[in-house]
Amino acid sequence: FAPIDAEMIEWLALPPGARVLDAGCGPGTMLAQFAAAVGPAGHVAGLDADAEALERARRYLAAQPHAG
């Protein structure tokens, strides 16, 4: 889904410093892309009903350059 995800991020035209809520974030791959788009002044949060998916998202995001 990476090409579609990148196209969606571009379509959203998130400005630097924006706040993003990803409801149903799953393993967090989009969260990293949102973080890159909004930059260090922005804020990205992910929610998911599946605790295992959230744990995978935490591990995935900890290894990303925009973690934190």
C-alpha atoms as a PDB file:
ATOM      1  CA  PHE A   1       0.000   0.000   0.000  1.00  0.00           C
ATOM      2  CA  ALA A   2       3.021   2.297   0.175  1.00  0.00           C
ATOM      3  CA  PRO A   3       2.322   4.132  -3.122  1.00  0.00           C
ATOM      4  CA  ILE A   4      -1.309   4.693  -2.137  1.00  0.00           C
ATOM      5  CA  ASP A   5      -0.281   5.828   1.354  1.00  0.00           C
ATOM      6  CA  ALA A   6       2.203   8.326  -0.068  1.00  0.00           C
ATOM      7  CA  GLU A   7      -0.433   9.633  -2.484  1.00  0.00           C
ATOM      8  CA  MET A   8      -2.894  10.087   0.377  1.00  0.00           C
ATOM      9  CA  ILE A   9      -0.334  11.999   2.448  1.00  0.00           C
ATOM     10  CA  GLU A  10       0.315  14.279  -0.518  1.00  0.00           C
ATOM     11  CA  TRP A  11      -3.430  14.752  -1.131  1.00  0.00           C
ATOM     12  CA  LEU A  12      -3.998  15.773   2.503  1.00  0.00           C
ATOM     13  CA  ALA A  13      -1.403  18.568   2.151  1.00  0.00           C
ATOM     14  CA  LEU A  14      -0.712  18.566   5.881  1.00  0.00           C
ATOM     15  CA  PRO A  15       0.981  21.812   6.895  1.00  0.00           C
ATOM     16  CA  PRO A  16       4.008  21.784   9.185  1.00  0.00           C
ATOM     17  CA  GLY A  17       2.839  21.867  12.791  1.00  0.00           C
ATOM     18  CA  ALA A  18      -0.505  20.169  12.066  1.00  0.00           C
ATOM     19  CA  ARG A  19      -2.169  17.727  14.460  1.00  0.00           C
ATOM     20  CA  VAL A  20      -3.168  14.310  13.109  1.00  0.00           C
ATOM     21  CA  LEU A  21      -5.309  11.580  14.672  1.00  0.00           C
ATOM     22  CA  ASP A  22      -5.132   8.209  12.934  1.00  0.00           C
ATOM     23  CA  ALA A  23      -8.134   6.217  14.207  1.00  0.00           C
ATOM     24  CA  GLY A  24      -7.577   2.560  13.428  1.00  0.00           C
ATOM     25  CA  CYS A  25      -3.825   3.029  13.024  1.00  0.00           C
ATOM     26  CA  GLY A  26      -3.003  -0.687  12.972  1.00  0.00           C
ATOM     27  CA  PRO A  27       0.769  -1.309  12.971  1.00  0.00           C
ATOM     28  CA  GLY A  28       1.556   2.416  12.660  1.00  0.00           C
ATOM     29  CA  THR A  29       3.076   2.659   9.204  1.00  0.00           C
ATOM     30  CA  MET A  30       0.973   5.693   8.311  1.00  0.00           C
ATOM     31  CA  LEU A  31       1.839   7.359  11.621  1.00  0.00           C
ATOM     32  CA  ALA A  32       5.480   7.600  10.582  1.00  0.00           C
ATOM     33  CA  GLN A  33       4.478   9.194   7.275  1.00  0.00           C
ATOM     34  CA  PHE A  34       2.170  11.640   9.059  1.00  0.00           C
ATOM     35  CA  ALA A  35       5.010  12.562  11.430  1.00  0.00           C
ATOM     36  CA  ALA A  36       7.340  13.235   8.521  1.00  0.00           C
ATOM     37  CA  ALA A  37       4.683  15.429   6.895  1.00  0.00           C
ATOM     38  CA  VAL A  38       3.876  17.589   9.953  1.00  0.00           C
ATOM     39  CA  GLY A  39       7.457  17.878  11.158  1.00  0.00           C
ATOM     40  CA  PRO A  40       8.790  18.403  14.670  1.00  0.00           C
ATOM     41  CA  ALA A  41       6.272  21.140  15.476  1.00  0.00           C
ATOM     42  CA  GLY A  42       3.360  18.829  14.652  1.00  0.00           C
ATOM     43  CA  HIS A  43       1.685  16.108  16.676  1.00  0.00           C
ATOM     44  CA  VAL A  44       0.523  12.679  15.540  1.00  0.00           C
ATOM     45  CA  ALA A  45      -1.546  10.236  17.614  1.00  0.00           C
ATOM     46  CA  GLY A  46      -2.729   6.764  16.727  1.00  0.00           C
ATOM     47  CA  LEU A  47      -5.651   4.818  18.152  1.00  0.00           C
ATOM     48  CA  ASP A  48      -6.596   1.211  17.607  1.00  0.00           C
ATOM     49  CA  ALA A  49      -8.946  -1.212  19.373  1.00  0.00           C
ATOM     50  CA  ASP A  50      -6.394  -4.018  18.970  1.00  0.00           C
ATOM     51  CA  ALA A  51      -3.807  -3.868  21.766  1.00  0.00           C
ATOM     52  CA  GLU A  52      -1.430  -6.098  19.792  1.00  0.00           C
ATOM     53  CA  ALA A  53      -1.574  -3.727  16.813  1.00  0.00           C
ATOM     54  CA  LEU A  54      -0.761  -0.806  19.102  1.00  0.00           C
ATOM     55  CA  GLU A  55       2.240  -2.652  20.503  1.00  0.00           C
ATOM     56  CA  ARG A  56       3.473  -3.352  16.969  1.00  0.00           C
ATOM     57  CA  ALA A  57       2.976   0.349  16.183  1.00  0.00           C
ATOM     58  CA  ARG A  58       5.016   1.356  19.234  1.00  0.00           C
ATOM     59  CA  ARG A  59       7.899  -0.925  18.214  1.00  0.00           C
ATOM     60  CA  TYR A  60       7.739   0.195  14.585  1.00  0.00           C
ATOM     61  CA  LEU A  61       7.671   3.894  15.445  1.00  0.00           C
ATOM     62  CA  ALA A  62      10.521   3.626  17.957  1.00  0.00           C
ATOM     63  CA  ALA A  63      12.762   2.607  15.058  1.00  0.00           C
ATOM     64  CA  GLN A  64      11.704   5.488  12.803  1.00  0.00           C
ATOM     65  CA  PRO A  65      13.642   8.747  12.381  1.00  0.00           C
ATOM     66  CA  HIS A  66      10.602  10.835  13.381  1.00  0.00           C
ATOM     67  CA  ALA A  67      10.007   8.911  16.625  1.00  0.00           C
ATOM     68  CA  GLY A  68       9.053  10.995  19.604  1.00  0.00           C
END
